[in-house]
Structures are given as structure tokens and as C-alpha cells.
Amino acid sequence: MSRLTVRLPGTLHQQLVSLAQKEGISLNQYIVYALTRQVSRSYTVTSLSENNIKQQKQSFSDLIEELGETDDQTIDHILEQREKVGPIEEDHQTIIDQLSQKIAHTKT
């Protein structure tokens, strides 16, 4: 476990103390909870509305039409320039599987 010293404005400190007391937990536990909740929001997968999906499909179709046809040699050259990525580690695959299950569950 790591230790972090943070300087807080007095009003924020008092708000955190009050919230922790309402929850019946220590200030430290509450701060860890609040930070974890905030950080986890950036990893939340949300489903798109049907309208948003249609807009993205239309944008993609428009882009394909704008790009026009490309010969095989140009495609090969573009593919050679792309970033090379190694195989996915097992832990990452587990996360992908979990997210896929959540997405499938959300659609039902």
C-alpha cells in the first residue's frame, strides 16, 4: 500500500469528513472510495444510441466514398506503415472477455 500526503482546502476537508461520517467509515476509507469511483468512471463502457450508431455508419460510408478506390500496392504500403502490436497478454484477454460480456448483457 502506498502513502500520499495531500494538502486540501479546509472546506473540502470538512466536506470529506462529513461525508465519511455519514457513511460510517474513516476519512481515509472515504477518500480511497471516492478516488476509486472517479477513476473507474474512465473505464466504464456505455452503449451508443441507435441514432448515434446510424450517424457513425453514415460518416464511415461518407469517408469511404470520399477516399474512393485504392490500388493494392497503395494498400500494402499503408499497411506496412501501421503500428505493429504484439499479442495480447492473458490478463488483457480476460478484461476483453469481461467487457464483451457486459456489452452483450447491455444489449439484451
N, C-alpha and C. Protein backbone atom coordinates (compact mmCIF):
# COMPACT_ATOMS: atom_id res chain seq x y z
N MET A 1 0.85 -1.17 0.00
CA MET A 1 0.00 0.00 0.00
C MET A 1 0.90 1.24 0.00
N SER A 2 0.49 2.26 -0.73
CA SER A 2 1.26 3.49 -0.83
C SER A 2 0.72 4.56 0.11
N ARG A 3 1.56 5.51 0.39
CA ARG A 3 1.17 6.64 1.24
C ARG A 3 1.29 7.90 0.40
N LEU A 4 0.30 8.80 0.52
CA LEU A 4 0.27 10.04 -0.23
C LEU A 4 -0.18 11.16 0.69
N THR A 5 0.60 12.22 0.72
CA THR A 5 0.22 13.38 1.51
C THR A 5 -0.35 14.43 0.57
N VAL A 6 -1.55 14.92 0.89
CA VAL A 6 -2.23 15.88 0.03
C VAL A 6 -2.66 17.07 0.86
N ARG A 7 -2.43 18.25 0.35
CA ARG A 7 -2.91 19.47 1.02
C ARG A 7 -4.27 19.81 0.45
N LEU A 8 -5.27 19.91 1.31
CA LEU A 8 -6.64 20.20 0.90
C LEU A 8 -7.09 21.53 1.47
N PRO A 9 -7.92 22.24 0.73
CA PRO A 9 -8.54 23.43 1.32
C PRO A 9 -9.40 22.98 2.50
N GLY A 10 -9.50 23.82 3.51
CA GLY A 10 -10.24 23.48 4.72
C GLY A 10 -11.68 23.09 4.46
N THR A 11 -12.34 23.79 3.54
CA THR A 11 -13.74 23.48 3.26
C THR A 11 -13.89 22.10 2.63
N LEU A 12 -12.99 21.74 1.74
CA LEU A 12 -13.04 20.41 1.12
C LEU A 12 -12.79 19.33 2.16
N HIS A 13 -11.82 19.58 3.03
CA HIS A 13 -11.52 18.62 4.08
C HIS A 13 -12.75 18.38 4.96
N GLN A 14 -13.42 19.44 5.34
CA GLN A 14 -14.61 19.32 6.19
C GLN A 14 -15.74 18.58 5.46
N GLN A 15 -15.90 18.85 4.16
CA GLN A 15 -16.92 18.14 3.38
C GLN A 15 -16.62 16.64 3.34
N LEU A 16 -15.36 16.30 3.14
CA LEU A 16 -14.97 14.88 3.10
C LEU A 16 -15.19 14.21 4.46
N VAL A 17 -14.84 14.92 5.52
CA VAL A 17 -15.05 14.38 6.87
C VAL A 17 -16.53 14.13 7.09
N SER A 18 -17.36 15.08 6.72
CA SER A 18 -18.80 14.96 6.89
C SER A 18 -19.36 13.78 6.09
N LEU A 19 -18.93 13.64 4.85
CA LEU A 19 -19.41 12.53 4.02
C LEU A 19 -18.96 11.18 4.57
N ALA A 20 -17.73 11.13 5.06
CA ALA A 20 -17.21 9.88 5.64
C ALA A 20 -18.02 9.51 6.89
N GLN A 21 -18.33 10.49 7.71
CA GLN A 21 -19.12 10.24 8.92
C GLN A 21 -20.51 9.73 8.56
N LYS A 22 -21.12 10.31 7.53
CA LYS A 22 -22.45 9.86 7.10
C LYS A 22 -22.41 8.40 6.64
N GLU A 23 -21.31 8.01 6.04
CA GLU A 23 -21.15 6.63 5.56
C GLU A 23 -20.71 5.70 6.69
N GLY A 24 -20.27 6.28 7.80
CA GLY A 24 -19.81 5.48 8.93
C GLY A 24 -18.46 4.82 8.69
N ILE A 25 -17.61 5.50 7.92
CA ILE A 25 -16.27 4.98 7.64
C ILE A 25 -15.24 6.06 7.92
N SER A 26 -13.97 5.66 7.93
CA SER A 26 -12.90 6.63 8.19
C SER A 26 -12.73 7.57 7.00
N LEU A 27 -12.12 8.71 7.26
CA LEU A 27 -11.83 9.67 6.20
C LEU A 27 -10.97 9.02 5.13
N ASN A 28 -9.97 8.27 5.55
CA ASN A 28 -9.08 7.59 4.60
C ASN A 28 -9.88 6.64 3.70
N GLN A 29 -10.75 5.84 4.29
CA GLN A 29 -11.56 4.90 3.50
C GLN A 29 -12.45 5.65 2.51
N TYR A 30 -13.01 6.76 2.96
CA TYR A 30 -13.89 7.51 2.08
C TYR A 30 -13.12 8.10 0.90
N ILE A 31 -11.94 8.64 1.18
CA ILE A 31 -11.14 9.23 0.09
C ILE A 31 -10.72 8.16 -0.91
N VAL A 32 -10.32 6.98 -0.42
CA VAL A 32 -9.96 5.88 -1.32
C VAL A 32 -11.18 5.50 -2.16
N TYR A 33 -12.35 5.40 -1.52
CA TYR A 33 -13.59 5.07 -2.23
C TYR A 33 -13.88 6.12 -3.31
N ALA A 34 -13.80 7.40 -2.95
CA ALA A 34 -14.13 8.48 -3.88
C ALA A 34 -13.17 8.50 -5.07
N LEU A 35 -11.89 8.31 -4.79
CA LEU A 35 -10.91 8.29 -5.88
C LEU A 35 -11.11 7.07 -6.78
N THR A 36 -11.37 5.92 -6.18
CA THR A 36 -11.60 4.71 -6.96
C THR A 36 -12.82 4.88 -7.86
N ARG A 37 -13.87 5.45 -7.31
CA ARG A 37 -15.09 5.66 -8.09
C ARG A 37 -14.82 6.60 -9.26
N GLN A 38 -14.07 7.65 -9.02
CA GLN A 38 -13.78 8.62 -10.08
C GLN A 38 -12.92 7.99 -11.17
N VAL A 39 -11.90 7.26 -10.77
CA VAL A 39 -11.00 6.63 -11.74
C VAL A 39 -11.74 5.57 -12.55
N SER A 40 -12.60 4.80 -11.90
CA SER A 40 -13.30 3.73 -12.60
C SER A 40 -14.28 4.26 -13.64
N ARG A 41 -14.73 5.48 -13.49
CA ARG A 41 -15.64 6.08 -14.48
C ARG A 41 -14.99 6.16 -15.85
N SER A 42 -13.67 6.36 -15.88
CA SER A 42 -13.00 6.46 -17.18
C SER A 42 -12.91 5.11 -17.88
N TYR A 43 -13.21 4.02 -17.17
CA TYR A 43 -13.17 2.69 -17.77
C TYR A 43 -14.56 2.13 -18.03
N THR A 44 -15.57 2.92 -17.82
CA THR A 44 -16.94 2.45 -17.99
C THR A 44 -17.29 2.39 -19.47
N VAL A 45 -17.86 1.28 -19.87
CA VAL A 45 -18.30 1.11 -21.25
C VAL A 45 -19.78 1.47 -21.31
N THR A 46 -20.12 2.37 -22.22
CA THR A 46 -21.51 2.74 -22.38
C THR A 46 -21.96 2.38 -23.80
N SER A 47 -23.19 1.99 -23.91
CA SER A 47 -23.71 1.66 -25.23
C SER A 47 -24.16 2.93 -25.93
N LEU A 48 -24.11 2.90 -27.25
CA LEU A 48 -24.50 4.06 -28.05
C LEU A 48 -25.96 3.96 -28.44
N SER A 49 -26.57 5.08 -28.64
CA SER A 49 -27.96 5.10 -29.10
C SER A 49 -28.01 4.66 -30.56
N GLU A 50 -29.17 4.20 -30.98
CA GLU A 50 -29.35 3.78 -32.38
C GLU A 50 -29.04 4.94 -33.32
N ASN A 51 -29.45 6.14 -32.94
CA ASN A 51 -29.21 7.32 -33.77
C ASN A 51 -27.71 7.59 -33.91
N ASN A 52 -26.98 7.45 -32.81
CA ASN A 52 -25.54 7.65 -32.84
C ASN A 52 -24.87 6.61 -33.73
N ILE A 53 -25.32 5.36 -33.64
CA ILE A 53 -24.76 4.29 -34.48
C ILE A 53 -25.01 4.60 -35.95
N LYS A 54 -26.22 5.04 -36.28
CA LYS A 54 -26.54 5.38 -37.67
C LYS A 54 -25.66 6.52 -38.16
N GLN A 55 -25.44 7.52 -37.30
CA GLN A 55 -24.59 8.65 -37.68
C GLN A 55 -23.15 8.20 -37.94
N GLN A 56 -22.64 7.30 -37.07
CA GLN A 56 -21.28 6.80 -37.28
C GLN A 56 -21.17 5.99 -38.56
N LYS A 57 -22.17 5.14 -38.83
CA LYS A 57 -22.16 4.35 -40.07
C LYS A 57 -22.20 5.27 -41.29
N GLN A 58 -23.02 6.31 -41.22
CA GLN A 58 -23.11 7.24 -42.34
C GLN A 58 -21.79 7.98 -42.52
N SER A 59 -21.17 8.41 -41.43
CA SER A 59 -19.87 9.09 -41.51
C SER A 59 -18.82 8.17 -42.12
N PHE A 60 -18.85 6.90 -41.73
CA PHE A 60 -17.90 5.92 -42.28
C PHE A 60 -18.14 5.74 -43.77
N SER A 61 -19.41 5.59 -44.17
CA SER A 61 -19.74 5.44 -45.59
C SER A 61 -19.30 6.66 -46.38
N ASP A 62 -19.54 7.85 -45.83
CA ASP A 62 -19.12 9.09 -46.49
C ASP A 62 -17.61 9.12 -46.66
N LEU A 63 -16.88 8.69 -45.64
CA LEU A 63 -15.43 8.67 -45.71
C LEU A 63 -14.95 7.71 -46.78
N ILE A 64 -15.52 6.52 -46.82
CA ILE A 64 -15.14 5.52 -47.82
C ILE A 64 -15.40 6.06 -49.22
N GLU A 65 -16.55 6.70 -49.39
CA GLU A 65 -16.88 7.26 -50.70
C GLU A 65 -15.91 8.38 -51.08
N GLU A 66 -15.56 9.21 -50.10
CA GLU A 66 -14.63 10.32 -50.34
C GLU A 66 -13.23 9.81 -50.71
N LEU A 67 -12.82 8.72 -50.07
CA LEU A 67 -11.49 8.17 -50.34
C LEU A 67 -11.40 7.54 -51.71
N GLY A 68 -12.51 7.00 -52.17
CA GLY A 68 -12.52 6.38 -53.48
C GLY A 68 -11.79 5.05 -53.46
N GLU A 69 -11.49 4.55 -54.65
CA GLU A 69 -10.82 3.26 -54.77
C GLU A 69 -9.31 3.44 -54.68
N THR A 70 -8.65 2.42 -54.13
CA THR A 70 -7.21 2.44 -53.97
C THR A 70 -6.64 1.14 -54.52
N ASP A 71 -5.50 1.25 -55.19
CA ASP A 71 -4.91 0.04 -55.77
C ASP A 71 -4.22 -0.79 -54.68
N ASP A 72 -3.98 -2.06 -54.96
CA ASP A 72 -3.40 -2.99 -53.99
C ASP A 72 -2.03 -2.53 -53.50
N GLN A 73 -1.23 -1.95 -54.36
CA GLN A 73 0.11 -1.51 -53.97
C GLN A 73 0.04 -0.40 -52.91
N THR A 74 -0.88 0.52 -53.06
CA THR A 74 -1.06 1.60 -52.08
C THR A 74 -1.54 1.03 -50.75
N ILE A 75 -2.47 0.08 -50.82
CA ILE A 75 -2.97 -0.55 -49.60
C ILE A 75 -1.84 -1.26 -48.87
N ASP A 76 -1.01 -2.01 -49.60
CA ASP A 76 0.14 -2.70 -48.98
C ASP A 76 1.08 -1.70 -48.32
N HIS A 77 1.32 -0.58 -48.99
CA HIS A 77 2.21 0.45 -48.43
C HIS A 77 1.63 1.03 -47.13
N ILE A 78 0.32 1.29 -47.12
CA ILE A 78 -0.33 1.82 -45.92
C ILE A 78 -0.25 0.81 -44.78
N LEU A 79 -0.50 -0.45 -45.08
CA LEU A 79 -0.45 -1.49 -44.06
C LEU A 79 0.95 -1.65 -43.48
N GLU A 80 1.97 -1.46 -44.29
CA GLU A 80 3.35 -1.54 -43.79
C GLU A 80 3.66 -0.42 -42.81
N GLN A 81 2.99 0.72 -42.95
CA GLN A 81 3.25 1.88 -42.11
C GLN A 81 2.53 1.83 -40.77
N ARG A 82 1.56 0.93 -40.63
CA ARG A 82 0.76 0.91 -39.39
C ARG A 82 1.59 0.43 -38.21
N GLU A 83 1.12 0.77 -37.04
CA GLU A 83 1.80 0.38 -35.81
C GLU A 83 1.69 -1.12 -35.62
N LYS A 84 2.81 -1.75 -35.32
CA LYS A 84 2.83 -3.19 -35.06
C LYS A 84 2.58 -3.41 -33.57
N VAL A 85 1.65 -4.29 -33.24
CA VAL A 85 1.29 -4.57 -31.87
C VAL A 85 1.50 -6.05 -31.61
N GLY A 86 2.09 -6.36 -30.45
CA GLY A 86 2.34 -7.75 -30.09
C GLY A 86 1.06 -8.45 -29.67
N PRO A 87 1.17 -9.74 -29.39
CA PRO A 87 -0.02 -10.49 -28.96
C PRO A 87 -0.56 -9.98 -27.63
N ILE A 88 -1.84 -10.17 -27.44
CA ILE A 88 -2.50 -9.73 -26.21
C ILE A 88 -2.15 -10.70 -25.09
N GLU A 89 -1.76 -10.12 -23.95
CA GLU A 89 -1.45 -10.96 -22.79
C GLU A 89 -2.74 -11.55 -22.24
N GLU A 90 -2.61 -12.63 -21.49
CA GLU A 90 -3.78 -13.32 -20.95
C GLU A 90 -4.64 -12.41 -20.09
N ASP A 91 -4.02 -11.58 -19.26
CA ASP A 91 -4.80 -10.68 -18.40
C ASP A 91 -5.64 -9.73 -19.24
N HIS A 92 -5.06 -9.22 -20.32
CA HIS A 92 -5.81 -8.32 -21.18
C HIS A 92 -6.97 -9.06 -21.84
N GLN A 93 -6.76 -10.29 -22.21
CA GLN A 93 -7.82 -11.07 -22.83
C GLN A 93 -8.98 -11.26 -21.86
N THR A 94 -8.65 -11.47 -20.58
CA THR A 94 -9.69 -11.61 -19.57
C THR A 94 -10.53 -10.33 -19.49
N ILE A 95 -9.88 -9.20 -19.52
CA ILE A 95 -10.59 -7.91 -19.47
C ILE A 95 -11.47 -7.76 -20.71
N ILE A 96 -10.94 -8.12 -21.87
CA ILE A 96 -11.71 -8.02 -23.10
C ILE A 96 -12.94 -8.93 -23.03
N ASP A 97 -12.76 -10.14 -22.51
CA ASP A 97 -13.89 -11.07 -22.37
C ASP A 97 -14.95 -10.50 -21.43
N GLN A 98 -14.51 -9.92 -20.32
CA GLN A 98 -15.45 -9.34 -19.36
C GLN A 98 -16.22 -8.18 -19.98
N LEU A 99 -15.52 -7.32 -20.72
CA LEU A 99 -16.18 -6.19 -21.36
C LEU A 99 -17.15 -6.69 -22.44
N SER A 100 -16.77 -7.71 -23.17
CA SER A 100 -17.66 -8.27 -24.19
C SER A 100 -18.93 -8.81 -23.56
N GLN A 101 -18.79 -9.46 -22.41
CA GLN A 101 -19.97 -9.97 -21.71
C GLN A 101 -20.87 -8.83 -21.25
N LYS A 102 -20.25 -7.75 -20.72
CA LYS A 102 -21.04 -6.61 -20.28
C LYS A 102 -21.78 -5.97 -21.46
N ILE A 103 -21.11 -5.87 -22.59
CA ILE A 103 -21.73 -5.27 -23.78
C ILE A 103 -22.89 -6.14 -24.24
N ALA A 104 -22.67 -7.45 -24.27
CA ALA A 104 -23.73 -8.37 -24.69
C ALA A 104 -24.91 -8.30 -23.73
N HIS A 105 -24.62 -8.20 -22.43
CA HIS A 105 -25.68 -8.11 -21.42
C HIS A 105 -26.47 -6.80 -21.56
N THR A 106 -25.78 -5.72 -21.91
CA THR A 106 -26.41 -4.41 -22.04
C THR A 106 -27.38 -4.40 -23.22
N LYS A 107 -27.07 -5.14 -24.27
CA LYS A 107 -27.91 -5.16 -25.47
C LYS A 107 -29.21 -5.92 -25.24
N THR A 108 -29.23 -6.81 -24.23
CA THR A 108 -30.46 -7.59 -24.00
C THR A 108 -31.41 -6.91 -23.07
